[in-house]
Amino acid sequence: MKVGLERKPREIRVALRHPVIADGDEVIALNRLSRKLHHPWVYPPIDDSSWSSYIQRLEGSQHDGFLVCLRDTGAIVGGFSRGYLKIGGRWRDHERWAITLEDWRLNRARP
């Protein structure tokens, strides 16, 4: 690496945590905003009933679901599922990641 071009370690800006029932309103709102992105591949919870079912499935299974949250504010900015995810109406082995438009623009602007 050339002198002066060393990369500085990046500050860890996000954390993963398990979703809880109280996250429903925020996650549902974000999922509704992302419907065109998800369809026809995935069908995330977009109402109270499907959110409750999702939480119950996580509590009673070997599958993990995580929310990606900003460390400084706790705001939910994405989701990550290990194991099976319902894709096109069928449960399949899959991982998913998400990034907000704001984060994408911020990272794109960095050298």
Foldseek 3Di string as FASTA:
>chain_A
DDPPPDDDDDDDFKDKDADDLVCVVQVLVVCVVCVVVCPPFADQDNDSVRSVVVRVDCVPDPKGKIFIATPVPRRTAWIWTAQWGQTNNRTDGDIDTGGDPVVVVVVVPDD
